[in-house]
Amino acid sequence: MAAYHLLQNKEHDEEVATPSRIGTRNVSRKLWKWVSSLACFLCGCVFTIMSLVAGQYVFSNETALAEDLSILIPPGLFSTEFTLDEKFRMKPSPESDEAWRSILPNGLGVVQHPVIGPEIVNLAFVHQLHCLATIRKNYFAGQQRAATTETDKHMVHCLDYIRQALQCHVDTNLEFRVALGTRDAAFTGYGEHKCRDFDRVFRFAEKWRVYDGKNASEWIKISDEETIPGRVINYDYVSSRGDPEPK
């Protein structure tokens, strides 16, 4: 009897383990794995698309702001601190005149370089500093005294500030000598220059302005809606950076 049951179980096992049943189970497992993989893939696709849509929205806003700011990035690589140097603000004297001469290179920026060509050229920044020094000289010649009134102090500040700005930007355009009729050839400074886009910077300044009016005494605070919705302008904020003017 025991032998009969053993034989019956063996036959049952052989019946269960037939190739067709094994194949069916394998197909079911493969199908389940395939369906699971497909479901994971589709979920991943949906998540990726949603992330891309959200990211594109944020990126487009940030890109627009970055493009605005790109026109303000200085082309130079060296950081320079603007400082208050009284020698450049004094009326003409041996000390102040020497200070102004010290920022003009020997040869006044007139150079010749084999890569540029056979022509003699003038470095624009030296020409600009020379013109500023000439304005200074004639301004004080008309004053015949030290700056005392607020207008005079403002003029001295402007001369000194423009001087440092010219040194900061160092315009390296090359100016060529041109014939001036019966006069000797000279560096007029006119003609083509490679410049930053003035119109774009101008539009940037107006787009992001915080006042209306072109005279500081007539400034009018603008509403935020006139510029960027949601932008908050803190009119009371005063930066701690920068050197104050002397009293």
Protein backbone atom coordinates (compact mmCIF):
# COMPACT_ATOMS: atom_id res chain seq x y z
CA MET A 1 0.00 0.00 0.00
CA ALA A 2 2.83 2.35 0.86
CA ALA A 3 4.49 1.54 -2.43
CA TYR A 4 1.27 2.39 -4.20
CA HIS A 5 1.07 5.83 -2.55
CA LEU A 6 4.71 6.55 -3.35
CA LEU A 7 4.14 5.62 -6.94
CA GLN A 8 1.02 7.79 -7.03
CA ASN A 9 2.92 10.84 -5.64
CA LYS A 10 5.73 10.28 -8.13
CA GLU A 11 3.26 10.21 -10.97
CA HIS A 12 1.64 13.38 -9.58
CA ASP A 13 5.03 15.17 -9.44
CA GLU A 14 5.81 14.12 -12.96
CA GLU A 15 2.41 15.42 -14.00
CA VAL A 16 3.00 18.80 -12.32
CA ALA A 17 6.52 19.22 -13.68
CA THR A 18 5.65 18.72 -17.32
CA PRO A 19 7.48 21.02 -19.80
CA SER A 20 4.26 22.80 -20.73
CA ARG A 21 3.54 23.80 -17.14
CA ILE A 22 7.14 24.88 -16.54
CA GLY A 23 7.03 26.96 -19.71
CA THR A 24 3.77 28.59 -18.65
CA ARG A 25 5.24 29.59 -15.30
CA ASN A 26 8.35 31.03 -16.98
CA VAL A 27 6.22 33.02 -19.40
CA SER A 28 4.14 34.35 -16.50
CA ARG A 29 7.25 35.43 -14.61
CA LYS A 30 8.71 37.13 -17.70
CA LEU A 31 5.39 38.83 -18.44
CA TRP A 32 5.17 40.11 -14.86
CA LYS A 33 8.73 41.43 -14.99
CA TRP A 34 8.01 43.10 -18.33
CA VAL A 35 4.80 44.70 -17.07
CA SER A 36 6.56 45.88 -13.90
CA SER A 37 9.45 47.32 -15.90
CA LEU A 38 7.06 49.05 -18.29
CA ALA A 39 5.10 50.53 -15.38
CA CYS A 40 8.31 51.82 -13.77
CA PHE A 41 9.46 53.23 -17.10
CA LEU A 42 6.15 55.03 -17.69
CA CYS A 43 6.18 56.44 -14.14
CA GLY A 44 9.72 57.64 -14.72
CA CYS A 45 8.70 59.28 -18.00
CA VAL A 46 5.77 61.06 -16.35
CA PHE A 47 7.99 62.27 -13.50
CA THR A 48 10.68 63.43 -15.93
CA ILE A 49 8.19 65.33 -18.08
CA MET A 50 6.67 67.03 -15.04
CA SER A 51 10.15 67.96 -13.78
CA LEU A 52 11.13 69.34 -17.17
CA VAL A 53 7.97 71.43 -17.42
CA ALA A 54 8.48 72.85 -13.93
CA GLY A 55 12.19 73.35 -14.53
CA GLN A 56 11.56 75.07 -17.86
CA TYR A 57 9.23 77.54 -16.18
CA VAL A 58 11.83 78.41 -13.54
CA PHE A 59 14.68 78.36 -16.06
CA SER A 60 12.88 80.68 -18.49
CA ASN A 61 12.36 83.27 -15.75
CA GLU A 62 15.95 82.99 -14.53
CA THR A 63 17.26 83.12 -18.09
CA ALA A 64 15.37 86.32 -18.80
CA LEU A 65 16.87 87.94 -15.69
CA ALA A 66 20.34 86.59 -16.51
CA GLU A 67 20.14 88.03 -20.02
CA ASP A 68 19.25 91.41 -18.52
CA LEU A 69 22.26 91.31 -16.22
CA SER A 70 24.69 89.97 -18.83
CA ILE A 71 25.07 93.43 -20.37
CA LEU A 72 26.37 94.79 -17.05
CA ILE A 73 29.14 92.26 -16.52
CA PRO A 74 32.45 94.15 -16.76
CA PRO A 75 34.87 92.73 -19.33
CA GLY A 76 37.85 93.08 -16.99
CA LEU A 77 39.18 90.47 -14.58
CA PHE A 78 40.87 92.68 -11.99
CA SER A 79 39.06 94.14 -8.98
CA THR A 80 39.92 97.76 -8.25
CA GLU A 81 38.80 99.81 -5.28
CA PHE A 82 37.81 103.40 -6.05
CA THR A 83 39.28 105.60 -3.30
CA LEU A 84 39.31 109.22 -2.29
CA ASP A 85 42.75 110.67 -3.06
CA GLU A 86 42.99 114.37 -2.26
CA LYS A 87 45.95 114.87 -4.61
CA PHE A 88 43.60 114.39 -7.56
CA ARG A 89 40.99 116.76 -6.08
CA MET A 90 43.22 119.71 -5.24
CA LYS A 91 43.57 122.85 -7.31
CA PRO A 92 46.68 122.87 -9.56
CA SER A 93 49.91 122.65 -7.56
CA PRO A 94 53.21 120.80 -8.00
CA GLU A 95 51.83 117.90 -5.94
CA SER A 96 48.46 117.62 -7.69
CA ASP A 97 49.90 118.20 -11.17
CA GLU A 98 52.42 115.40 -10.60
CA ALA A 99 49.61 113.09 -9.48
CA TRP A 100 47.76 113.70 -12.74
CA ARG A 101 50.94 113.24 -14.77
CA SER A 102 51.60 109.94 -13.00
CA ILE A 103 48.54 108.30 -14.59
CA LEU A 104 49.67 109.20 -18.11
CA PRO A 105 52.20 106.69 -19.49
CA ASN A 106 55.50 107.81 -20.94
CA GLY A 107 54.83 108.42 -24.63
CA LEU A 108 51.17 109.29 -23.98
CA GLY A 109 49.89 105.96 -25.28
CA VAL A 110 51.18 106.38 -28.84
CA VAL A 111 52.45 102.93 -29.86
CA GLN A 112 53.49 100.76 -32.78
CA HIS A 113 53.27 96.96 -32.69
CA PRO A 114 54.23 94.48 -35.41
CA VAL A 115 50.98 92.52 -35.06
CA ILE A 116 48.85 95.66 -35.38
CA GLY A 117 50.71 96.76 -38.47
CA PRO A 118 53.07 99.48 -39.58
CA GLU A 119 50.77 102.27 -38.46
CA ILE A 120 51.34 104.30 -35.33
CA VAL A 121 48.26 104.22 -33.13
CA ASN A 122 47.04 105.82 -29.93
CA LEU A 123 45.51 103.92 -26.99
CA ALA A 124 42.09 105.48 -26.42
CA PHE A 125 42.20 105.47 -22.61
CA VAL A 126 45.26 107.74 -22.57
CA HIS A 127 43.52 110.15 -24.91
CA GLN A 128 40.50 110.18 -22.60
CA LEU A 129 42.60 110.80 -19.48
CA HIS A 130 44.46 113.56 -21.29
CA CYS A 131 41.17 115.26 -22.18
CA LEU A 132 39.97 114.97 -18.59
CA ALA A 133 43.22 116.47 -17.28
CA THR A 134 42.79 119.36 -19.72
CA ILE A 135 39.24 119.99 -18.48
CA ARG A 136 40.55 119.98 -14.90
CA LYS A 137 43.28 122.48 -15.73
CA ASN A 138 40.90 124.89 -17.43
CA TYR A 139 38.25 124.49 -14.76
CA PHE A 140 40.61 125.54 -11.98
CA ALA A 141 42.08 128.28 -14.16
CA GLY A 142 38.61 129.80 -14.28
CA GLN A 143 38.03 129.32 -10.56
CA GLN A 144 41.35 130.66 -9.29
CA ARG A 145 40.52 129.29 -5.87
CA ALA A 146 39.91 126.05 -4.03
CA ALA A 147 36.48 124.47 -4.33
CA THR A 148 34.27 125.85 -1.59
CA THR A 149 30.63 125.92 -2.69
CA GLU A 150 28.57 122.75 -3.07
CA THR A 151 28.63 123.15 -6.85
CA ASP A 152 32.43 123.43 -6.86
CA LYS A 153 32.79 120.38 -4.62
CA HIS A 154 30.49 118.44 -6.90
CA MET A 155 32.59 119.42 -9.92
CA VAL A 156 35.80 118.26 -8.21
CA HIS A 157 34.11 114.99 -7.25
CA CYS A 158 33.00 114.44 -10.86
CA LEU A 159 36.49 115.07 -12.24
CA ASP A 160 38.02 112.62 -9.76
CA TYR A 161 35.32 110.01 -10.30
CA ILE A 162 35.59 110.12 -14.11
CA ARG A 163 39.37 109.84 -13.78
CA GLN A 164 39.04 106.60 -11.81
CA ALA A 165 36.35 105.27 -14.15
CA LEU A 166 38.61 105.81 -17.18
CA GLN A 167 41.45 104.01 -15.41
CA CYS A 168 39.06 101.21 -14.45
CA HIS A 169 37.72 100.52 -17.94
CA VAL A 170 41.00 101.15 -19.80
CA ASP A 171 39.56 101.64 -23.29
CA THR A 172 41.97 99.68 -25.50
CA ASN A 173 40.51 100.79 -28.83
CA LEU A 174 43.24 101.88 -31.22
CA GLU A 175 43.03 105.39 -32.63
CA PHE A 176 44.73 106.05 -35.97
CA ARG A 177 46.39 109.23 -37.10
CA VAL A 178 44.44 111.13 -39.74
CA ALA A 179 45.32 113.99 -42.06
CA LEU A 180 43.82 117.36 -41.15
CA GLY A 181 44.21 119.33 -44.36
CA THR A 182 47.11 121.73 -44.07
CA ARG A 183 47.68 120.83 -40.43
CA ASP A 184 49.84 117.98 -39.22
CA ALA A 185 48.19 114.57 -38.91
CA ALA A 186 46.71 114.00 -35.45
CA PHE A 187 44.83 111.53 -33.28
CA THR A 188 41.32 113.00 -33.27
CA GLY A 189 39.79 110.00 -31.52
CA TYR A 190 36.86 109.95 -33.94
CA GLY A 191 35.90 106.99 -36.10
CA GLU A 192 34.94 103.41 -35.32
CA HIS A 193 35.29 102.10 -31.77
CA LYS A 194 34.36 98.72 -30.31
CA CYS A 195 32.01 99.50 -27.47
CA ARG A 196 29.48 97.99 -25.14
CA ASP A 197 25.89 98.32 -26.33
CA PHE A 198 24.86 101.72 -24.96
CA ASP A 199 21.25 101.36 -26.11
CA ARG A 200 20.83 98.00 -24.34
CA VAL A 201 22.29 99.35 -21.10
CA PHE A 202 20.09 102.44 -21.46
CA ARG A 203 16.98 100.27 -21.83
CA PHE A 204 18.09 98.16 -18.84
CA ALA A 205 18.41 101.30 -16.70
CA GLU A 206 14.90 102.45 -17.59
CA LYS A 207 13.34 99.02 -17.20
CA TRP A 208 14.72 98.56 -13.68
CA ARG A 209 14.46 102.20 -12.54
CA VAL A 210 13.13 103.06 -9.08
CA TYR A 211 12.43 106.75 -9.74
CA ASP A 212 10.85 108.84 -12.47
CA GLY A 213 12.66 112.01 -13.49
CA LYS A 214 16.13 112.95 -14.72
CA ASN A 215 16.96 115.41 -11.96
CA ALA A 216 17.66 114.12 -8.45
CA SER A 217 15.79 117.04 -6.91
CA GLU A 218 12.66 116.08 -8.86
CA TRP A 219 12.68 112.29 -8.41
CA ILE A 220 9.30 110.61 -7.97
CA LYS A 221 9.01 107.13 -6.49
CA ILE A 222 7.40 104.72 -8.93
CA SER A 223 4.95 101.93 -8.21
CA ASP A 224 6.28 98.40 -8.47
CA GLU A 225 3.67 97.53 -11.09
CA GLU A 226 5.45 99.80 -13.57
CA THR A 227 8.50 97.55 -13.51
CA ILE A 228 8.37 93.88 -12.49
CA PRO A 229 5.21 92.53 -10.81
CA GLY A 230 5.96 91.38 -7.29
CA ARG A 231 9.21 93.34 -7.07
CA VAL A 232 9.77 95.10 -3.75
CA ILE A 233 11.76 98.34 -3.73
CA ASN A 234 13.31 99.28 -0.39
CA TYR A 235 13.73 103.04 -0.65
CA ASP A 236 15.17 103.25 2.87
CA TYR A 237 18.01 100.78 2.27
CA VAL A 238 21.52 102.26 2.51
CA SER A 239 24.52 100.12 1.58
CA SER A 240 27.47 99.88 3.94
CA ARG A 241 29.85 99.44 1.01
CA GLY A 242 31.81 102.31 -0.52
CA ASP A 243 33.73 105.21 0.97
CA PRO A 244 31.75 108.30 2.00
CA GLU A 245 32.66 111.78 0.86
CA PRO A 246 34.62 113.86 3.38
CA LYS A 247 32.66 116.37 5.42
